[in-house]
Amino acid sequence: MQRSLQIGSLSLLLLTPLLARAQDSTRLEKVSTKTVNISGTVGSEGKSLVSDKGNRVWKVVNSDALAATEGRHVFVKARVNSQSNEITVTVVRLQEVRTTAKLDDVAFRR
């Protein structure tokens, strides 16, 4: 009886640091979420965003925010979880597509 109590106590002592470490990892995951600005092209149905910088593919958690801009180039402000490559979009701005020449360009300075 006393031996089984010792084994139980030993097991509890060994598991305590593991449980504490598990709580720390969830705390670190929450801390790693930060807000950043990303420019890129919206994927199908707004479920992904391919960034201009490094062609990194982000999974969009709230895809309804980008659904109307499918295939377009946008600037977004989003909360990023880089461990799982997920973003939660908070602000969306469409990038202008220039169809005319820029009049202050070198070609027009004569």
PDB file of N, CA and C in Angstrom:
ATOM      1  N   MET A   1       0.839  -1.190   0.000  1.00  0.00           N
ATOM      2  CA  MET A   1       0.000   0.000   0.000  1.00  0.00           C
ATOM      3  C   MET A   1       0.878   1.246   0.000  1.00  0.00           C
ATOM      4  N   GLN A   2       1.903   1.233   0.863  1.00  0.00           N
ATOM      5  CA  GLN A   2       2.769   2.398   0.975  1.00  0.00           C
ATOM      6  C   GLN A   2       3.583   2.562  -0.312  1.00  0.00           C
ATOM      7  N   ARG A   3       3.944   1.458  -0.930  1.00  0.00           N
ATOM      8  CA  ARG A   3       4.711   1.511  -2.182  1.00  0.00           C
ATOM      9  C   ARG A   3       3.870   2.120  -3.310  1.00  0.00           C
ATOM     10  N   SER A   4       2.600   1.773  -3.402  1.00  0.00           N
ATOM     11  CA  SER A   4       1.743   2.321  -4.445  1.00  0.00           C
ATOM     12  C   SER A   4       1.512   3.817  -4.213  1.00  0.00           C
ATOM     13  N   LEU A   5       1.475   4.243  -2.952  1.00  0.00           N
ATOM     14  CA  LEU A   5       1.343   5.658  -2.634  1.00  0.00           C
ATOM     15  C   LEU A   5       2.585   6.411  -3.066  1.00  0.00           C
ATOM     16  N   GLN A   6       3.765   5.808  -2.888  1.00  0.00           N
ATOM     17  CA  GLN A   6       5.019   6.432  -3.309  1.00  0.00           C
ATOM     18  C   GLN A   6       5.076   6.554  -4.827  1.00  0.00           C
ATOM     19  N   ILE A   7       4.628   5.529  -5.524  1.00  0.00           N
ATOM     20  CA  ILE A   7       4.625   5.563  -6.992  1.00  0.00           C
ATOM     21  C   ILE A   7       3.658   6.639  -7.486  1.00  0.00           C
ATOM     22  N   GLY A   8       2.508   6.742  -6.851  1.00  0.00           N
ATOM     23  CA  GLY A   8       1.535   7.782  -7.217  1.00  0.00           C
ATOM     24  C   GLY A   8       2.093   9.168  -6.977  1.00  0.00           C
ATOM     25  N   SER A   9       2.784   9.366  -5.864  1.00  0.00           N
ATOM     26  CA  SER A   9       3.386  10.666  -5.564  1.00  0.00           C
ATOM     27  C   SER A   9       4.493  10.996  -6.553  1.00  0.00           C
ATOM     28  N   LEU A  10       5.271   9.990  -6.899  1.00  0.00           N
ATOM     29  CA  LEU A  10       6.350  10.184  -7.865  1.00  0.00           C
ATOM     30  C   LEU A  10       5.780  10.548  -9.239  1.00  0.00           C
ATOM     31  N   SER A  11       4.710   9.883  -9.622  1.00  0.00           N
ATOM     32  CA  SER A  11       4.067  10.182 -10.907  1.00  0.00           C
ATOM     33  C   SER A  11       3.557  11.613 -10.929  1.00  0.00           C
ATOM     34  N   LEU A  12       2.962  12.052  -9.839  1.00  0.00           N
ATOM     35  CA  LEU A  12       2.448  13.410  -9.753  1.00  0.00           C
ATOM     36  C   LEU A  12       3.576  14.429  -9.854  1.00  0.00           C
ATOM     37  N   LEU A  13       4.701  14.133  -9.210  1.00  0.00           N
ATOM     38  CA  LEU A  13       5.854  15.035  -9.280  1.00  0.00           C
ATOM     39  C   LEU A  13       6.424  15.114 -10.692  1.00  0.00           C
ATOM     40  N   LEU A  14       6.386  14.027 -11.413  1.00  0.00           N
ATOM     41  CA  LEU A  14       6.913  14.017 -12.775  1.00  0.00           C
ATOM     42  C   LEU A  14       5.971  14.701 -13.757  1.00  0.00           C
ATOM     43  N   LEU A  15       4.684  14.620 -13.531  1.00  0.00           N
ATOM     44  CA  LEU A  15       3.709  15.221 -14.441  1.00  0.00           C
ATOM     45  C   LEU A  15       3.539  16.727 -14.241  1.00  0.00           C
ATOM     46  N   THR A  16       3.810  17.227 -13.068  1.00  0.00           N
ATOM     47  CA  THR A  16       3.604  18.647 -12.774  1.00  0.00           C
ATOM     48  C   THR A  16       4.383  19.568 -13.707  1.00  0.00           C
ATOM     49  N   PRO A  17       5.687  19.330 -13.951  1.00  0.00           N
ATOM     50  CA  PRO A  17       6.402  20.208 -14.894  1.00  0.00           C
ATOM     51  C   PRO A  17       5.848  20.138 -16.312  1.00  0.00           C
ATOM     52  N   LEU A  18       5.376  18.960 -16.718  1.00  0.00           N
ATOM     53  CA  LEU A  18       4.808  18.835 -18.056  1.00  0.00           C
ATOM     54  C   LEU A  18       3.532  19.647 -18.206  1.00  0.00           C
ATOM     55  N   LEU A  19       2.691  19.634 -17.196  1.00  0.00           N
ATOM     56  CA  LEU A  19       1.468  20.421 -17.229  1.00  0.00           C
ATOM     57  C   LEU A  19       1.769  21.912 -17.231  1.00  0.00           C
ATOM     58  N   ALA A  20       2.749  22.325 -16.454  1.00  0.00           N
ATOM     59  CA  ALA A  20       3.143  23.735 -16.423  1.00  0.00           C
ATOM     60  C   ALA A  20       3.682  24.168 -17.773  1.00  0.00           C
ATOM     61  N   ARG A  21       4.440  23.302 -18.421  1.00  0.00           N
ATOM     62  CA  ARG A  21       4.992  23.627 -19.741  1.00  0.00           C
ATOM     63  C   ARG A  21       3.884  23.735 -20.775  1.00  0.00           C
ATOM     64  N   ALA A  22       2.881  22.893 -20.693  1.00  0.00           N
ATOM     65  CA  ALA A  22       1.751  22.958 -21.622  1.00  0.00           C
ATOM     66  C   ALA A  22       1.015  24.286 -21.475  1.00  0.00           C
ATOM     67  N   GLN A  23       0.845  24.764 -20.257  1.00  0.00           N
ATOM     68  CA  GLN A  23       0.198  26.055 -20.035  1.00  0.00           C
ATOM     69  C   GLN A  23       1.055  27.181 -20.597  1.00  0.00           C
ATOM     70  N   ASP A  24       2.380  27.104 -20.447  1.00  0.00           N
ATOM     71  CA  ASP A  24       3.274  28.123 -20.990  1.00  0.00           C
ATOM     72  C   ASP A  24       3.207  28.176 -22.502  1.00  0.00           C
ATOM     73  N   SER A  25       3.102  27.026 -23.162  1.00  0.00           N
ATOM     74  CA  SER A  25       3.060  27.022 -24.624  1.00  0.00           C
ATOM     75  C   SER A  25       1.784  27.671 -25.137  1.00  0.00           C
ATOM     76  N   THR A  26       0.643  27.470 -24.464  1.00  0.00           N
ATOM     77  CA  THR A  26      -0.580  28.147 -24.889  1.00  0.00           C
ATOM     78  C   THR A  26      -0.474  29.638 -24.636  1.00  0.00           C
ATOM     79  N   ARG A  27       0.183  30.026 -23.590  1.00  0.00           N
ATOM     80  CA  ARG A  27       0.384  31.436 -23.303  1.00  0.00           C
ATOM     81  C   ARG A  27       1.284  32.051 -24.367  1.00  0.00           C
ATOM     82  N   LEU A  28       2.337  31.353 -24.794  1.00  0.00           N
ATOM     83  CA  LEU A  28       3.229  31.848 -25.832  1.00  0.00           C
ATOM     84  C   LEU A  28       2.505  31.983 -27.163  1.00  0.00           C
ATOM     85  N   GLU A  29       1.602  31.057 -27.445  1.00  0.00           N
ATOM     86  CA  GLU A  29       0.852  31.119 -28.690  1.00  0.00           C
ATOM     87  C   GLU A  29      -0.012  32.373 -28.734  1.00  0.00           C
ATOM     88  N   LYS A  30      -0.612  32.753 -27.620  1.00  0.00           N
ATOM     89  CA  LYS A  30      -1.429  33.953 -27.568  1.00  0.00           C
ATOM     90  C   LYS A  30      -0.571  35.199 -27.709  1.00  0.00           C
ATOM     91  N   VAL A  31       0.617  35.191 -27.149  1.00  0.00           N
ATOM     92  CA  VAL A  31       1.509  36.344 -27.215  1.00  0.00           C
ATOM     93  C   VAL A  31       2.036  36.538 -28.632  1.00  0.00           C
ATOM     94  N   SER A  32       2.245  35.455 -29.388  1.00  0.00           N
ATOM     95  CA  SER A  32       2.826  35.555 -30.715  1.00  0.00           C
ATOM     96  C   SER A  32       1.870  36.179 -31.731  1.00  0.00           C
ATOM     97  N   THR A  33       0.598  36.296 -31.427  1.00  0.00           N
ATOM     98  CA  THR A  33      -0.357  36.909 -32.328  1.00  0.00           C
ATOM     99  C   THR A  33      -0.166  38.421 -32.295  1.00  0.00           C
ATOM    100  N   LYS A  34       0.172  38.999 -33.474  1.00  0.00           N
ATOM    101  CA  LYS A  34       0.399  40.437 -33.546  1.00  0.00           C
ATOM    102  C   LYS A  34      -0.254  40.992 -34.800  1.00  0.00           C
ATOM    103  N   THR A  35      -0.454  42.299 -34.836  1.00  0.00           N
ATOM    104  CA  THR A  35      -1.083  42.955 -35.965  1.00  0.00           C
ATOM    105  C   THR A  35      -0.018  43.476 -36.918  1.00  0.00           C
ATOM    106  N   VAL A  36      -0.180  43.157 -38.211  1.00  0.00           N
ATOM    107  CA  VAL A  36       0.766  43.595 -39.235  1.00  0.00           C
ATOM    108  C   VAL A  36       0.009  44.045 -40.481  1.00  0.00           C
ATOM    109  N   ASN A  37       0.721  44.756 -41.365  1.00  0.00           N
ATOM    110  CA  ASN A  37       0.185  45.146 -42.664  1.00  0.00           C
ATOM    111  C   ASN A  37       0.773  44.223 -43.715  1.00  0.00           C
ATOM    112  N   ILE A  38      -0.085  43.664 -44.567  1.00  0.00           N
ATOM    113  CA  ILE A  38       0.355  42.746 -45.612  1.00  0.00           C
ATOM    114  C   ILE A  38      -0.265  43.184 -46.930  1.00  0.00           C
ATOM    115  N   SER A  39       0.541  43.211 -47.986  1.00  0.00           N
ATOM    116  CA  SER A  39      -0.006  43.440 -49.319  1.00  0.00           C
ATOM    117  C   SER A  39       0.134  42.146 -50.090  1.00  0.00           C
ATOM    118  N   GLY A  40      -0.892  41.834 -50.898  1.00  0.00           N
ATOM    119  CA  GLY A  40      -0.833  40.591 -51.649  1.00  0.00           C
ATOM    120  C   GLY A  40      -2.066  40.366 -52.482  1.00  0.00           C
ATOM    121  N   THR A  41      -2.150  39.185 -53.051  1.00  0.00           N
ATOM    122  CA  THR A  41      -3.254  38.814 -53.925  1.00  0.00           C
ATOM    123  C   THR A  41      -4.159  37.829 -53.199  1.00  0.00           C
ATOM    124  N   VAL A  42      -5.457  38.083 -53.291  1.00  0.00           N
ATOM    125  CA  VAL A  42      -6.451  37.256 -52.611  1.00  0.00           C
ATOM    126  C   VAL A  42      -6.697  35.985 -53.417  1.00  0.00           C
ATOM    127  N   GLY A  43      -6.737  34.854 -52.720  1.00  0.00           N
ATOM    128  CA  GLY A  43      -6.997  33.564 -53.354  1.00  0.00           C
ATOM    129  C   GLY A  43      -8.476  33.310 -53.541  1.00  0.00           C
ATOM    130  N   SER A  44      -8.811  32.105 -53.946  1.00  0.00           N
ATOM    131  CA  SER A  44     -10.199  31.757 -54.240  1.00  0.00           C
ATOM    132  C   SER A  44     -11.076  31.849 -52.997  1.00  0.00           C
ATOM    133  N   GLU A  45     -12.208  32.489 -53.179  1.00  0.00           N
ATOM    134  CA  GLU A  45     -13.227  32.681 -52.143  1.00  0.00           C
ATOM    135  C   GLU A  45     -12.683  33.393 -50.907  1.00  0.00           C
ATOM    136  N   GLY A  46     -11.542  34.063 -51.020  1.00  0.00           N
ATOM    137  CA  GLY A  46     -10.974  34.810 -49.902  1.00  0.00           C
ATOM    138  C   GLY A  46     -10.385  33.942 -48.812  1.00  0.00           C
ATOM    139  N   LYS A  47     -10.152  32.669 -49.095  1.00  0.00           N
ATOM    140  CA  LYS A  47      -9.652  31.749 -48.070  1.00  0.00           C
ATOM    141  C   LYS A  47      -8.143  31.820 -47.889  1.00  0.00           C
ATOM    142  N   SER A  48      -7.440  32.477 -48.827  1.00  0.00           N
ATOM    143  CA  SER A  48      -5.989  32.590 -48.710  1.00  0.00           C
ATOM    144  C   SER A  48      -5.533  33.944 -49.227  1.00  0.00           C
ATOM    145  N   LEU A  49      -4.325  34.319 -48.831  1.00  0.00           N
ATOM    146  CA  LEU A  49      -3.708  35.567 -49.275  1.00  0.00           C
ATOM    147  C   LEU A  49      -2.240  35.267 -49.550  1.00  0.00           C
ATOM    148  N   VAL A  50      -1.796  35.543 -50.778  1.00  0.00           N
ATOM    149  CA  VAL A  50      -0.399  35.334 -51.154  1.00  0.00           C
ATOM    150  C   VAL A  50       0.284  36.689 -51.058  1.00  0.00           C
ATOM    151  N   SER A  51       1.211  36.821 -50.119  1.00  0.00           N
ATOM    152  CA  SER A  51       1.848  38.113 -49.878  1.00  0.00           C
ATOM    153  C   SER A  51       2.863  38.428 -50.966  1.00  0.00           C
ATOM    154  N   ASP A  52       3.062  39.723 -51.216  1.00  0.00           N
ATOM    155  CA  ASP A  52       4.047  40.171 -52.190  1.00  0.00           C
ATOM    156  C   ASP A  52       5.454  39.886 -51.699  1.00  0.00           C
ATOM    157  N   LYS A  53       5.652  40.017 -50.420  1.00  0.00           N
ATOM    158  CA  LYS A  53       6.970  39.826 -49.824  1.00  0.00           C
ATOM    159  C   LYS A  53       7.203  38.341 -49.565  1.00  0.00           C
ATOM    160  N   GLY A  54       8.012  37.715 -50.404  1.00  0.00           N
ATOM    161  CA  GLY A  54       8.366  36.322 -50.213  1.00  0.00           C
ATOM    162  C   GLY A  54       7.334  35.320 -50.687  1.00  0.00           C
ATOM    163  N   ASN A  55       6.259  35.769 -51.310  1.00  0.00           N
ATOM    164  CA  ASN A  55       5.186  34.882 -51.802  1.00  0.00           C
ATOM    165  C   ASN A  55       4.687  33.913 -50.739  1.00  0.00           C
ATOM    166  N   ARG A  56       4.585  34.378 -49.519  1.00  0.00           N
ATOM    167  CA  ARG A  56       4.118  33.532 -48.421  1.00  0.00           C
ATOM    168  C   ARG A  56       2.600  33.403 -48.500  1.00  0.00           C
ATOM    169  N   VAL A  57       2.104  32.193 -48.351  1.00  0.00           N
ATOM    170  CA  VAL A  57       0.666  31.931 -48.416  1.00  0.00           C
ATOM    171  C   VAL A  57       0.102  31.924 -47.001  1.00  0.00           C
ATOM    172  N   TRP A  58      -0.857  32.797 -46.765  1.00  0.00           N
ATOM    173  CA  TRP A  58      -1.518  32.895 -45.465  1.00  0.00           C
ATOM    174  C   TRP A  58      -2.926  32.329 -45.575  1.00  0.00           C
ATOM    175  N   LYS A  59      -3.338  31.550 -44.609  1.00  0.00           N
ATOM    176  CA  LYS A  59      -4.716  31.058 -44.529  1.00  0.00           C
ATOM    177  C   LYS A  59      -5.528  32.127 -43.808  1.00  0.00           C
ATOM    178  N   VAL A  60      -6.647  32.539 -44.389  1.00  0.00           N
ATOM    179  CA  VAL A  60      -7.478  33.591 -43.828  1.00  0.00           C
ATOM    180  C   VAL A  60      -8.561  32.958 -42.962  1.00  0.00           C
ATOM    181  N   VAL A  61      -8.559  33.304 -41.689  1.00  0.00           N
ATOM    182  CA  VAL A  61      -9.521  32.722 -40.745  1.00  0.00           C
ATOM    183  C   VAL A  61     -10.925  33.232 -41.036  1.00  0.00           C
ATOM    184  N   ASN A  62     -11.063  34.531 -41.257  1.00  0.00           N
ATOM    185  CA  ASN A  62     -12.373  35.120 -41.552  1.00  0.00           C
ATOM    186  C   ASN A  62     -12.448  35.434 -43.048  1.00  0.00           C
ATOM    187  N   SER A  63     -12.591  34.393 -43.860  1.00  0.00           N
ATOM    188  CA  SER A  63     -12.545  34.520 -45.315  1.00  0.00           C
ATOM    189  C   SER A  63     -13.657  35.394 -45.882  1.00  0.00           C
ATOM    190  N   ASP A  64     -14.745  35.582 -45.148  1.00  0.00           N
ATOM    191  CA  ASP A  64     -15.823  36.448 -45.624  1.00  0.00           C
ATOM    192  C   ASP A  64     -15.359  37.896 -45.784  1.00  0.00           C
ATOM    193  N   ALA A  65     -14.319  38.302 -45.075  1.00  0.00           N
ATOM    194  CA  ALA A  65     -13.793  39.666 -45.189  1.00  0.00           C
ATOM    195  C   ALA A  65     -13.139  39.902 -46.546  1.00  0.00           C
ATOM    196  N   LEU A  66     -12.608  38.853 -47.165  1.00  0.00           N
ATOM    197  CA  LEU A  66     -11.923  38.988 -48.457  1.00  0.00           C
ATOM    198  C   LEU A  66     -12.678  38.348 -49.612  1.00  0.00           C
ATOM    199  N   ALA A  67     -13.834  37.771 -49.371  1.00  0.00           N
ATOM    200  CA  ALA A  67     -14.561  37.035 -50.408  1.00  0.00           C
ATOM    201  C   ALA A  67     -14.903  37.916 -51.612  1.00  0.00           C
ATOM    202  N   ALA A  68     -15.227  39.164 -51.405  1.00  0.00           N
ATOM    203  CA  ALA A  68     -15.622  40.066 -52.497  1.00  0.00           C
ATOM    204  C   ALA A  68     -14.426  40.544 -53.316  1.00  0.00           C
ATOM    205  N   THR A  69     -13.213  40.314 -52.842  1.00  0.00           N
ATOM    206  CA  THR A  69     -12.016  40.806 -53.525  1.00  0.00           C
ATOM    207  C   THR A  69     -11.189  39.663 -54.112  1.00  0.00           C
ATOM    208  N   GLU A  70     -11.813  38.562 -54.430  1.00  0.00           N
ATOM    209  CA  GLU A  70     -11.118  37.383 -54.945  1.00  0.00           C
ATOM    210  C   GLU A  70     -10.315  37.722 -56.205  1.00  0.00           C
ATOM    211  N   GLY A  71      -9.029  37.343 -56.208  1.00  0.00           N
ATOM    212  CA  GLY A  71      -8.169  37.559 -57.359  1.00  0.00           C
ATOM    213  C   GLY A  71      -7.592  38.964 -57.475  1.00  0.00           C
ATOM    214  N   ARG A  72      -7.936  39.865 -56.578  1.00  0.00           N
ATOM    215  CA  ARG A  72      -7.470  41.255 -56.642  1.00  0.00           C
ATOM    216  C   ARG A  72      -6.290  41.471 -55.709  1.00  0.00           C
ATOM    217  N   HIS A  73      -5.579  42.549 -55.954  1.00  0.00           N
ATOM    218  CA  HIS A  73      -4.428  42.904 -55.129  1.00  0.00           C
ATOM    219  C   HIS A  73      -4.915  43.847 -54.030  1.00  0.00           C
ATOM    220  N   VAL A  74      -4.611  43.520 -52.762  1.00  0.00           N
ATOM    221  CA  VAL A  74      -5.118  44.285 -51.626  1.00  0.00           C
ATOM    222  C   VAL A  74      -4.017  44.565 -50.614  1.00  0.00           C
ATOM    223  N   PHE A  75      -4.285  45.549 -49.769  1.00  0.00           N
ATOM    224  CA  PHE A  75      -3.506  45.799 -48.562  1.00  0.00           C
ATOM    225  C   PHE A  75      -4.423  45.444 -47.406  1.00  0.00           C
ATOM    226  N   VAL A  76      -3.942  44.622 -46.485  1.00  0.00           N
ATOM    227  CA  VAL A  76      -4.760  44.250 -45.335  1.00  0.00           C
ATOM    228  C   VAL A  76      -4.004  44.528 -44.049  1.00  0.00           C
ATOM    229  N   LYS A  77      -4.766  44.837 -43.034  1.00  0.00           N
ATOM    230  CA  LYS A  77      -4.251  44.903 -41.672  1.00  0.00           C
ATOM    231  C   LYS A  77      -4.854  43.690 -40.994  1.00  0.00           C
ATOM    232  N   ALA A  78      -3.982  42.862 -40.396  1.00  0.00           N
ATOM    233  CA  ALA A  78      -4.476  41.598 -39.869  1.00  0.00           C
ATOM    234  C   ALA A  78      -3.695  41.172 -38.637  1.00  0.00           C
ATOM    235  N   ARG A  79      -4.351  40.362 -37.808  1.00  0.00           N
ATOM    236  CA  ARG A  79      -3.666  39.715 -36.691  1.00  0.00           C
ATOM    237  C   ARG A  79      -3.082  38.418 -37.218  1.00  0.00           C
ATOM    238  N   VAL A  80      -1.795  38.226 -36.980  1.00  0.00           N
ATOM    239  CA  VAL A  80      -1.063  37.112 -37.573  1.00  0.00           C
ATOM    240  C   VAL A  80      -0.681  36.093 -36.512  1.00  0.00           C
ATOM    241  N   ASN A  81      -0.903  34.838 -36.817  1.00  0.00           N
ATOM    242  CA  ASN A  81      -0.369  33.732 -36.021  1.00  0.00           C
ATOM    243  C   ASN A  81       0.625  33.035 -36.942  1.00  0.00           C
ATOM    244  N   SER A  82       1.909  33.381 -36.819  1.00  0.00           N
ATOM    245  CA  SER A  82       2.922  32.881 -37.750  1.00  0.00           C
ATOM    246  C   SER A  82       3.224  31.396 -37.567  1.00  0.00           C
ATOM    247  N   GLN A  83       2.895  30.833 -36.425  1.00  0.00           N
ATOM    248  CA  GLN A  83       3.141  29.414 -36.205  1.00  0.00           C
ATOM    249  C   GLN A  83       2.250  28.557 -37.094  1.00  0.00           C
ATOM    250  N   SER A  84       1.014  28.982 -37.306  1.00  0.00           N
ATOM    251  CA  SER A  84       0.095  28.198 -38.121  1.00  0.00           C
ATOM    252  C   SER A  84      -0.205  28.865 -39.461  1.00  0.00           C
ATOM    253  N   ASN A  85       0.528  29.943 -39.814  1.00  0.00           N
ATOM    254  CA  ASN A  85       0.333  30.679 -41.074  1.00  0.00           C
ATOM    255  C   ASN A  85      -1.108  31.130 -41.266  1.00  0.00           C
ATOM    256  N   GLU A  86      -1.716  31.627 -40.202  1.00  0.00           N
ATOM    257  CA  GLU A  86      -3.098  32.098 -40.268  1.00  0.00           C
ATOM    258  C   GLU A  86      -3.154  33.585 -39.978  1.00  0.00           C
ATOM    259  N   ILE A  87      -4.080  34.270 -40.658  1.00  0.00           N
ATOM    260  CA  ILE A  87      -4.323  35.684 -40.377  1.00  0.00           C
ATOM    261  C   ILE A  87      -5.808  35.894 -40.160  1.00  0.00           C
ATOM    262  N   THR A  88      -6.116  36.879 -39.320  1.00  0.00           N
ATOM    263  CA  THR A  88      -7.490  37.329 -39.122  1.00  0.00           C
ATOM    264  C   THR A  88      -7.534  38.771 -39.595  1.00  0.00           C
ATOM    265  N   VAL A  89      -8.214  39.012 -40.703  1.00  0.00           N
ATOM    266  CA  VAL A  89      -8.220  40.318 -41.354  1.00  0.00           C
ATOM    267  C   VAL A  89      -9.104  41.282 -40.578  1.00  0.00           C
ATOM    268  N   THR A  90      -8.566  42.493 -40.305  1.00  0.00           N
ATOM    269  CA  THR A  90      -9.338  43.525 -39.626  1.00  0.00           C
ATOM    270  C   THR A  90      -9.684  44.683 -40.562  1.00  0.00           C
ATOM    271  N   VAL A  91      -8.774  45.027 -41.491  1.00  0.00           N
ATOM    272  CA  VAL A  91      -9.001  46.126 -42.435  1.00  0.00           C
ATOM    273  C   VAL A  91      -8.557  45.684 -43.821  1.00  0.00           C
ATOM    274  N   VAL A  92      -9.362  46.005 -44.855  1.00  0.00           N
ATOM    275  CA  VAL A  92      -9.030  45.664 -46.239  1.00  0.00           C
ATOM    276  C   VAL A  92      -9.067  46.933 -47.082  1.00  0.00           C
ATOM    277  N   ARG A  93      -7.991  47.143 -47.884  1.00  0.00           N
ATOM    278  CA  ARG A  93      -7.962  48.262 -48.838  1.00  0.00           C
ATOM    279  C   ARG A  93      -7.557  47.707 -50.193  1.00  0.00           C
ATOM    280  N   LEU A  94      -8.324  48.023 -51.226  1.00  0.00           N
ATOM    281  CA  LEU A  94      -7.961  47.598 -52.576  1.00  0.00           C
ATOM    282  C   LEU A  94      -6.830  48.475 -53.085  1.00  0.00           C
ATOM    283  N   GLN A  95      -5.897  47.864 -53.809  1.00  0.00           N
ATOM    284  CA  GLN A  95      -4.809  48.633 -54.401  1.00  0.00           C
ATOM    285  C   GLN A  95      -5.264  49.120 -55.766  1.00  0.00           C
ATOM    286  N   GLU A  96      -4.935  50.374 -56.062  1.00  0.00           N
ATOM    287  CA  GLU A  96      -5.306  50.941 -57.343  1.00  0.00           C
ATOM    288  C   GLU A  96      -4.524  50.272 -58.457  1.00  0.00           C
ATOM    289  N   VAL A  97      -5.189  50.036 -59.565  1.00  0.00           N
ATOM    290  CA  VAL A  97      -4.528  49.508 -60.741  1.00  0.00           C
ATOM    291  C   VAL A  97      -4.397  50.660 -61.718  1.00  0.00           C
ATOM    292  N   ARG A  98      -3.154  51.052 -62.036  1.00  0.00           N
ATOM    293  CA  ARG A  98      -2.910  52.184 -62.921  1.00  0.00           C
ATOM    294  C   ARG A  98      -3.107  51.747 -64.365  1.00  0.00           C
ATOM    295  N   THR A  99      -4.019  52.436 -65.067  1.00  0.00           N
ATOM    296  CA  THR A  99      -4.283  52.117 -66.467  1.00  0.00           C
ATOM    297  C   THR A  99      -3.756  53.188 -67.404  1.00  0.00           C
ATOM    298  N   THR A 100      -3.353  54.340 -66.871  1.00  0.00           N
ATOM    299  CA  THR A 100      -2.822  55.419 -67.698  1.00  0.00           C
ATOM    300  C   THR A 100      -1.372  55.671 -67.341  1.00  0.00           C
ATOM    301  N   ALA A 101      -0.702  56.403 -68.203  1.00  0.00           N
ATOM    302  CA  ALA A 101       0.698  56.730 -67.958  1.00  0.00           C
ATOM    303  C   ALA A 101       0.797  57.756 -66.837  1.00  0.00           C
ATOM    304  N   LYS A 102       1.881  57.702 -66.122  1.00  0.00           N
ATOM    305  CA  LYS A 102       2.147  58.645 -65.054  1.00  0.00           C
ATOM    306  C   LYS A 102       2.777  59.890 -65.682  1.00  0.00           C
ATOM    307  N   LEU A 103       2.101  61.034 -65.633  1.00  0.00           N
ATOM    308  CA  LEU A 103       2.520  62.218 -66.364  1.00  0.00           C
ATOM    309  C   LEU A 103       3.828  62.811 -65.866  1.00  0.00           C
ATOM    310  N   ASP A 104       4.227  62.549 -64.652  1.00  0.00           N
ATOM    311  CA  ASP A 104       5.523  63.071 -64.173  1.00  0.00           C
ATOM    312  C   ASP A 104       6.646  62.049 -64.393  1.00  0.00           C
ATOM    313  N   ASP A 105       6.403  61.062 -65.226  1.00  0.00           N
ATOM    314  CA  ASP A 105       7.401  60.059 -65.561  1.00  0.00           C
ATOM    315  C   ASP A 105       8.486  60.675 -66.436  1.00  0.00           C
ATOM    316  N   VAL A 106       9.656  60.074 -66.472  1.00  0.00           N
ATOM    317  CA  VAL A 106      10.806  60.572 -67.227  1.00  0.00           C
ATOM    318  C   VAL A 106      10.491  60.728 -68.708  1.00  0.00           C
ATOM    319  N   ALA A 107       9.680  59.854 -69.258  1.00  0.00           N
ATOM    320  CA  ALA A 107       9.356  59.891 -70.676  1.00  0.00           C
ATOM    321  C   ALA A 107       8.613  61.172 -71.069  1.00  0.00           C
ATOM    322  N   PHE A 108       7.945  61.830 -70.138  1.00  0.00           N
ATOM    323  CA  PHE A 108       7.189  63.038 -70.426  1.00  0.00           C
ATOM    324  C   PHE A 108       7.927  64.331 -70.091  1.00  0.00           C
ATOM    325  N   ARG A 109       9.174  64.250 -69.666  1.00  0.00           N
ATOM    326  CA  ARG A 109       9.943  65.433 -69.281  1.00  0.00           C
ATOM    327  C   ARG A 109      10.813  65.919 -70.439  1.00  0.00           C
ATOM    328  N   ARG A 110      10.247  66.504 -71.419  1.00  0.00           N
ATOM    329  CA  ARG A 110      11.014  67.045 -72.545  1.00  0.00           C
ATOM    330  C   ARG A 110      10.683  68.459 -72.792  1.00  0.00           C
TER     331      ARG A 110
END
